[in-house]
Amino acid sequence: QVQVVESGGGLVQDGGSLRLSCAASGSIFHVVSMGWYRQAPGKQRESVAIITSGHSTDYADSVKGRFTISRPNAKNTVYLQMNDLKPEDTAAYYCVVRAYTTVRDWDDYWGQGTQVTVSS
C-alpha cells in the first residue's frame, strides 16, 4: 500500500502565498510522477501541476507564473509554492502520486486533500 499525506493549506488574503507539501510512503518501487489537483465547490477536479521523475513539469494555464512545483531529488516528497493567490484559487487541493509498487504494477494514489481559502 502507498500512503499520501498533504499539509500546508490554510486561509490567506488575496495576493498572499502558501506552500503545500505532500509525502508518499509505503511499498513504493518507483515513482513515475507527483502532482496536485484541486476541486472547488460545484466544479470538477482539475489538474494544477505535475512533475515527473525526470523533473519535467506541466502547469494549468491559470497558475502559470504564480505556482511552482518541485521535488527534492531521491525523496518521495513534492511541494507546491503558490504565490499571488487569488480568490479563484480557493479549493481543496489533492496530491496524486503515480507509482509502481512492483516491477509491473502501478496505480494513482491520492491524498485526503488540504483546503486552501483565499479571501478578497
N, C-alpha and C. Protein backbone atom coordinates (compact mmCIF):
# COMPACT_ATOMS: atom_id res chain seq x y z
N GLN A 1 0.82 -1.19 0.00
CA GLN A 1 0.00 0.00 0.00
C GLN A 1 0.87 1.25 0.00
N VAL A 2 0.32 2.31 -0.56
CA VAL A 2 1.03 3.59 -0.61
C VAL A 2 0.17 4.61 0.12
N GLN A 3 0.80 5.36 1.00
CA GLN A 3 0.11 6.42 1.73
C GLN A 3 0.58 7.77 1.21
N VAL A 4 -0.38 8.67 1.06
CA VAL A 4 -0.09 10.02 0.57
C VAL A 4 -0.69 11.02 1.54
N VAL A 5 0.14 11.90 2.06
CA VAL A 5 -0.30 12.86 3.07
C VAL A 5 0.08 14.27 2.65
N GLU A 6 -0.92 15.15 2.62
CA GLU A 6 -0.68 16.55 2.28
C GLU A 6 -0.70 17.41 3.53
N SER A 7 -0.07 18.56 3.44
CA SER A 7 -0.13 19.55 4.51
C SER A 7 0.14 20.93 3.91
N GLY A 8 -0.19 21.96 4.69
CA GLY A 8 0.17 23.31 4.29
C GLY A 8 -0.96 24.20 3.83
N GLY A 9 -2.18 23.69 3.79
CA GLY A 9 -3.28 24.55 3.39
C GLY A 9 -3.63 25.55 4.47
N GLY A 10 -4.55 26.44 4.15
CA GLY A 10 -4.97 27.42 5.14
C GLY A 10 -5.71 28.57 4.49
N LEU A 11 -5.87 29.63 5.29
CA LEU A 11 -6.57 30.83 4.86
C LEU A 11 -5.53 31.93 4.60
N VAL A 12 -5.64 32.58 3.46
CA VAL A 12 -4.70 33.63 3.11
C VAL A 12 -5.44 34.73 2.36
N GLN A 13 -4.92 35.92 2.41
CA GLN A 13 -5.56 37.04 1.71
C GLN A 13 -5.15 37.06 0.24
N ASP A 14 -5.97 37.72 -0.54
CA ASP A 14 -5.69 37.94 -1.96
C ASP A 14 -4.27 38.48 -2.12
N GLY A 15 -3.47 37.83 -3.01
CA GLY A 15 -2.10 38.24 -3.22
C GLY A 15 -1.09 37.56 -2.32
N GLY A 16 -1.55 36.77 -1.38
CA GLY A 16 -0.67 36.09 -0.45
C GLY A 16 -0.06 34.82 -1.02
N SER A 17 0.69 34.12 -0.17
CA SER A 17 1.40 32.91 -0.59
C SER A 17 1.15 31.78 0.40
N LEU A 18 1.23 30.56 -0.12
CA LEU A 18 1.20 29.35 0.68
C LEU A 18 2.08 28.32 0.03
N ARG A 19 2.58 27.38 0.83
CA ARG A 19 3.32 26.26 0.28
C ARG A 19 2.68 24.97 0.76
N LEU A 20 2.30 24.14 -0.19
CA LEU A 20 1.74 22.83 0.12
C LEU A 20 2.84 21.77 0.04
N SER A 21 2.73 20.80 0.92
CA SER A 21 3.68 19.69 0.93
C SER A 21 2.93 18.38 0.80
N CYS A 22 3.58 17.40 0.21
CA CYS A 22 2.98 16.08 0.05
C CYS A 22 4.08 15.04 0.18
N ALA A 23 3.83 14.04 1.00
CA ALA A 23 4.80 12.97 1.19
C ALA A 23 4.14 11.63 0.92
N ALA A 24 4.82 10.81 0.13
CA ALA A 24 4.34 9.46 -0.17
C ALA A 24 5.23 8.45 0.54
N SER A 25 4.59 7.42 1.07
CA SER A 25 5.35 6.38 1.77
C SER A 25 4.67 5.04 1.56
N GLY A 26 5.37 3.98 1.95
CA GLY A 26 4.81 2.64 1.83
C GLY A 26 5.59 1.81 0.83
N SER A 27 4.88 0.89 0.18
CA SER A 27 5.52 -0.08 -0.72
C SER A 27 5.73 0.52 -2.11
N ILE A 28 6.63 1.47 -2.19
CA ILE A 28 6.90 2.16 -3.46
C ILE A 28 8.13 1.57 -4.12
N PHE A 29 7.97 1.08 -5.34
CA PHE A 29 9.10 0.59 -6.11
C PHE A 29 9.70 1.72 -6.93
N HIS A 30 8.84 2.52 -7.55
CA HIS A 30 9.30 3.63 -8.38
C HIS A 30 8.18 4.65 -8.55
N VAL A 31 8.48 5.91 -8.34
CA VAL A 31 7.51 6.99 -8.55
C VAL A 31 7.66 7.52 -9.97
N VAL A 32 6.56 7.49 -10.70
CA VAL A 32 6.55 8.00 -12.08
C VAL A 32 6.35 9.51 -12.10
N SER A 33 5.39 9.97 -11.31
CA SER A 33 5.10 11.39 -11.26
C SER A 33 4.40 11.71 -9.96
N MET A 34 4.46 12.99 -9.61
CA MET A 34 3.72 13.50 -8.45
C MET A 34 3.08 14.81 -8.89
N GLY A 35 1.92 15.09 -8.34
CA GLY A 35 1.26 16.31 -8.77
C GLY A 35 0.16 16.74 -7.86
N TRP A 36 -0.45 17.85 -8.26
CA TRP A 36 -1.52 18.45 -7.49
C TRP A 36 -2.75 18.68 -8.37
N TYR A 37 -3.89 18.34 -7.83
CA TYR A 37 -5.17 18.65 -8.42
C TYR A 37 -5.92 19.52 -7.42
N ARG A 38 -6.97 20.18 -7.89
CA ARG A 38 -7.82 20.93 -6.99
C ARG A 38 -9.27 20.82 -7.41
N GLN A 39 -10.13 21.00 -6.44
CA GLN A 39 -11.56 20.94 -6.71
C GLN A 39 -12.26 21.99 -5.88
N ALA A 40 -12.92 22.92 -6.57
CA ALA A 40 -13.71 23.94 -5.90
C ALA A 40 -15.15 23.46 -5.81
N PRO A 41 -15.91 23.99 -4.86
CA PRO A 41 -17.32 23.57 -4.73
C PRO A 41 -18.09 23.73 -6.03
N GLY A 42 -18.79 22.68 -6.42
CA GLY A 42 -19.61 22.73 -7.63
C GLY A 42 -18.84 22.60 -8.92
N LYS A 43 -17.53 22.37 -8.83
CA LYS A 43 -16.71 22.27 -10.04
C LYS A 43 -16.02 20.91 -10.10
N GLN A 44 -15.57 20.56 -11.28
CA GLN A 44 -14.84 19.31 -11.45
C GLN A 44 -13.41 19.46 -10.95
N ARG A 45 -12.83 18.33 -10.55
CA ARG A 45 -11.43 18.33 -10.15
C ARG A 45 -10.57 18.62 -11.37
N GLU A 46 -9.58 19.49 -11.18
CA GLU A 46 -8.72 19.87 -12.30
C GLU A 46 -7.25 19.74 -11.92
N SER A 47 -6.44 19.46 -12.92
CA SER A 47 -5.00 19.36 -12.70
C SER A 47 -4.41 20.75 -12.51
N VAL A 48 -3.53 20.88 -11.54
CA VAL A 48 -2.87 22.15 -11.27
C VAL A 48 -1.42 22.11 -11.74
N ALA A 49 -0.69 21.09 -11.29
CA ALA A 49 0.73 20.99 -11.65
C ALA A 49 1.18 19.55 -11.48
N ILE A 50 2.08 19.13 -12.37
CA ILE A 50 2.62 17.78 -12.34
C ILE A 50 4.13 17.85 -12.51
N ILE A 51 4.85 16.97 -11.82
CA ILE A 51 6.28 16.85 -12.03
C ILE A 51 6.62 15.37 -12.18
N THR A 52 7.40 15.06 -13.19
CA THR A 52 7.75 13.67 -13.45
C THR A 52 9.03 13.28 -12.72
N SER A 53 9.38 12.01 -12.80
CA SER A 53 10.61 11.54 -12.17
C SER A 53 11.84 12.18 -12.81
N GLY A 54 11.68 12.62 -14.07
CA GLY A 54 12.76 13.32 -14.74
C GLY A 54 12.72 14.82 -14.53
N HIS A 55 11.83 15.25 -13.65
CA HIS A 55 11.68 16.66 -13.26
C HIS A 55 11.11 17.54 -14.37
N SER A 56 10.43 16.92 -15.35
CA SER A 56 9.64 17.72 -16.27
C SER A 56 8.39 18.19 -15.55
N THR A 57 7.95 19.40 -15.86
CA THR A 57 6.78 19.95 -15.17
C THR A 57 5.73 20.40 -16.17
N ASP A 58 4.50 20.43 -15.69
CA ASP A 58 3.39 20.92 -16.50
C ASP A 58 2.43 21.63 -15.58
N TYR A 59 1.93 22.77 -16.03
CA TYR A 59 1.05 23.59 -15.20
C TYR A 59 -0.24 23.92 -15.93
N ALA A 60 -1.30 24.09 -15.16
CA ALA A 60 -2.53 24.64 -15.71
C ALA A 60 -2.27 26.08 -16.12
N ASP A 61 -2.90 26.51 -17.20
CA ASP A 61 -2.69 27.88 -17.67
C ASP A 61 -3.01 28.91 -16.59
N SER A 62 -4.00 28.61 -15.78
CA SER A 62 -4.47 29.56 -14.78
C SER A 62 -3.46 29.81 -13.65
N VAL A 63 -2.45 28.93 -13.53
CA VAL A 63 -1.49 29.10 -12.43
C VAL A 63 -0.07 29.36 -12.92
N LYS A 64 0.15 29.32 -14.22
CA LYS A 64 1.50 29.53 -14.76
C LYS A 64 2.02 30.90 -14.33
N GLY A 65 3.28 30.91 -13.89
CA GLY A 65 3.89 32.15 -13.44
C GLY A 65 3.61 32.47 -11.98
N ARG A 66 2.67 31.77 -11.36
CA ARG A 66 2.34 32.02 -9.95
C ARG A 66 2.67 30.82 -9.05
N PHE A 67 2.50 29.62 -9.58
CA PHE A 67 2.73 28.39 -8.80
C PHE A 67 3.99 27.71 -9.31
N THR A 68 4.71 27.07 -8.39
CA THR A 68 5.91 26.30 -8.75
C THR A 68 5.87 24.96 -8.04
N ILE A 69 5.98 23.89 -8.82
CA ILE A 69 6.04 22.55 -8.25
C ILE A 69 7.50 22.11 -8.21
N SER A 70 7.87 21.44 -7.13
CA SER A 70 9.24 20.97 -7.01
C SER A 70 9.27 19.65 -6.26
N ARG A 71 10.35 18.91 -6.50
CA ARG A 71 10.50 17.62 -5.85
C ARG A 71 11.99 17.40 -5.57
N PRO A 72 12.39 17.42 -4.32
CA PRO A 72 13.80 17.19 -4.00
C PRO A 72 14.26 15.84 -4.50
N ASN A 73 15.46 15.76 -4.96
CA ASN A 73 15.99 14.52 -5.52
C ASN A 73 15.95 13.39 -4.51
N ALA A 74 15.59 12.20 -5.02
CA ALA A 74 15.62 10.95 -4.24
C ALA A 74 14.69 10.96 -3.04
N LYS A 75 13.70 11.86 -3.06
CA LYS A 75 12.73 11.87 -1.98
C LYS A 75 11.32 11.80 -2.57
N ASN A 76 10.46 11.04 -1.96
CA ASN A 76 9.08 10.94 -2.41
C ASN A 76 8.24 12.05 -1.79
N THR A 77 8.70 13.26 -2.00
CA THR A 77 8.04 14.44 -1.47
C THR A 77 7.91 15.46 -2.59
N VAL A 78 6.79 16.16 -2.61
CA VAL A 78 6.58 17.20 -3.62
C VAL A 78 6.02 18.43 -2.93
N TYR A 79 6.40 19.58 -3.43
CA TYR A 79 5.94 20.86 -2.89
C TYR A 79 5.24 21.66 -3.98
N LEU A 80 4.29 22.47 -3.54
CA LEU A 80 3.65 23.41 -4.45
C LEU A 80 3.73 24.79 -3.81
N GLN A 81 4.59 25.62 -4.35
CA GLN A 81 4.70 27.00 -3.87
C GLN A 81 3.69 27.83 -4.65
N MET A 82 2.78 28.45 -3.92
CA MET A 82 1.71 29.23 -4.54
C MET A 82 1.86 30.68 -4.15
N ASN A 83 2.14 31.52 -5.12
CA ASN A 83 2.30 32.96 -4.91
C ASN A 83 1.19 33.72 -5.60
N ASP A 84 0.99 34.96 -5.19
CA ASP A 84 -0.03 35.81 -5.80
C ASP A 84 -1.38 35.09 -5.87
N LEU A 85 -1.77 34.52 -4.76
CA LEU A 85 -3.02 33.76 -4.73
C LEU A 85 -4.22 34.65 -4.96
N LYS A 86 -5.22 34.09 -5.62
CA LYS A 86 -6.44 34.81 -5.96
C LYS A 86 -7.64 34.07 -5.37
N PRO A 87 -8.75 34.76 -5.16
CA PRO A 87 -9.93 34.07 -4.63
C PRO A 87 -10.34 32.87 -5.47
N GLU A 88 -10.10 32.92 -6.76
CA GLU A 88 -10.48 31.79 -7.62
C GLU A 88 -9.58 30.57 -7.43
N ASP A 89 -8.51 30.71 -6.66
CA ASP A 89 -7.67 29.56 -6.32
C ASP A 89 -8.24 28.79 -5.13
N THR A 90 -9.27 29.31 -4.51
CA THR A 90 -9.89 28.63 -3.38
C THR A 90 -10.43 27.27 -3.80
N ALA A 91 -9.97 26.24 -3.11
CA ALA A 91 -10.35 24.86 -3.46
C ALA A 91 -9.73 23.90 -2.45
N ALA A 92 -10.17 22.67 -2.53
CA ALA A 92 -9.47 21.59 -1.86
C ALA A 92 -8.38 21.11 -2.82
N TYR A 93 -7.16 21.02 -2.31
CA TYR A 93 -6.02 20.61 -3.13
C TYR A 93 -5.63 19.19 -2.77
N TYR A 94 -5.47 18.37 -3.79
CA TYR A 94 -5.16 16.96 -3.61
C TYR A 94 -3.82 16.62 -4.25
N CYS A 95 -3.05 15.85 -3.54
CA CYS A 95 -1.80 15.34 -4.09
C CYS A 95 -2.07 13.97 -4.71
N VAL A 96 -1.47 13.72 -5.85
CA VAL A 96 -1.62 12.42 -6.50
C VAL A 96 -0.22 11.90 -6.87
N VAL A 97 0.00 10.66 -6.58
CA VAL A 97 1.29 10.02 -6.84
C VAL A 97 1.04 8.83 -7.76
N ARG A 98 1.70 8.84 -8.91
CA ARG A 98 1.64 7.69 -9.82
C ARG A 98 2.90 6.86 -9.53
N ALA A 99 2.69 5.65 -9.04
CA ALA A 99 3.83 4.87 -8.60
C ALA A 99 3.66 3.39 -8.92
N TYR A 100 4.80 2.77 -9.16
CA TYR A 100 4.86 1.32 -9.27
C TYR A 100 5.11 0.77 -7.86
N THR A 101 4.35 -0.28 -7.53
CA THR A 101 4.60 -0.97 -6.26
C THR A 101 5.38 -2.26 -6.49
N THR A 102 5.40 -2.74 -7.73
CA THR A 102 6.26 -3.84 -8.16
C THR A 102 6.81 -3.45 -9.52
N VAL A 103 7.56 -4.32 -10.15
CA VAL A 103 8.11 -4.00 -11.46
C VAL A 103 7.02 -3.89 -12.52
N ARG A 104 5.82 -4.43 -12.24
CA ARG A 104 4.75 -4.40 -13.24
C ARG A 104 3.51 -3.61 -12.81
N ASP A 105 3.28 -3.51 -11.51
CA ASP A 105 2.00 -2.96 -11.02
C ASP A 105 2.14 -1.49 -10.64
N TRP A 106 1.27 -0.67 -11.21
CA TRP A 106 1.27 0.76 -10.88
C TRP A 106 -0.16 1.24 -10.68
N ASP A 107 -0.28 2.37 -10.02
CA ASP A 107 -1.59 2.96 -9.78
C ASP A 107 -1.40 4.43 -9.41
N ASP A 108 -2.50 5.16 -9.39
CA ASP A 108 -2.50 6.53 -8.89
C ASP A 108 -3.00 6.52 -7.46
N TYR A 109 -2.24 7.14 -6.58
CA TYR A 109 -2.58 7.18 -5.16
C TYR A 109 -2.86 8.63 -4.77
N TRP A 110 -3.99 8.83 -4.09
CA TRP A 110 -4.46 10.16 -3.76
C TRP A 110 -4.39 10.41 -2.26
N GLY A 111 -4.09 11.66 -1.93
CA GLY A 111 -4.19 12.08 -0.55
C GLY A 111 -5.61 12.48 -0.20
N GLN A 112 -5.79 12.87 1.06
CA GLN A 112 -7.13 13.23 1.54
C GLN A 112 -7.50 14.67 1.19
N GLY A 113 -6.52 15.45 0.82
CA GLY A 113 -6.81 16.83 0.45
C GLY A 113 -6.50 17.82 1.56
N THR A 114 -6.17 19.03 1.15
CA THR A 114 -5.96 20.12 2.09
C THR A 114 -6.64 21.37 1.54
N GLN A 115 -7.33 22.09 2.40
CA GLN A 115 -8.14 23.23 1.95
C GLN A 115 -7.29 24.48 1.84
N VAL A 116 -7.45 25.17 0.72
CA VAL A 116 -6.85 26.50 0.52
C VAL A 116 -7.98 27.48 0.30
N THR A 117 -8.02 28.51 1.12
CA THR A 117 -9.06 29.54 1.01
C THR A 117 -8.38 30.89 0.87
N VAL A 118 -8.73 31.61 -0.19
CA VAL A 118 -8.15 32.93 -0.45
C VAL A 118 -9.26 33.96 -0.32
N SER A 119 -9.10 34.87 0.62
CA SER A 119 -10.12 35.88 0.87
C SER A 119 -9.81 37.14 0.07
N SER A 120 -10.88 37.79 -0.38
CA SER A 120 -10.69 39.02 -1.18
C SER A 120 -10.68 40.25 -0.31
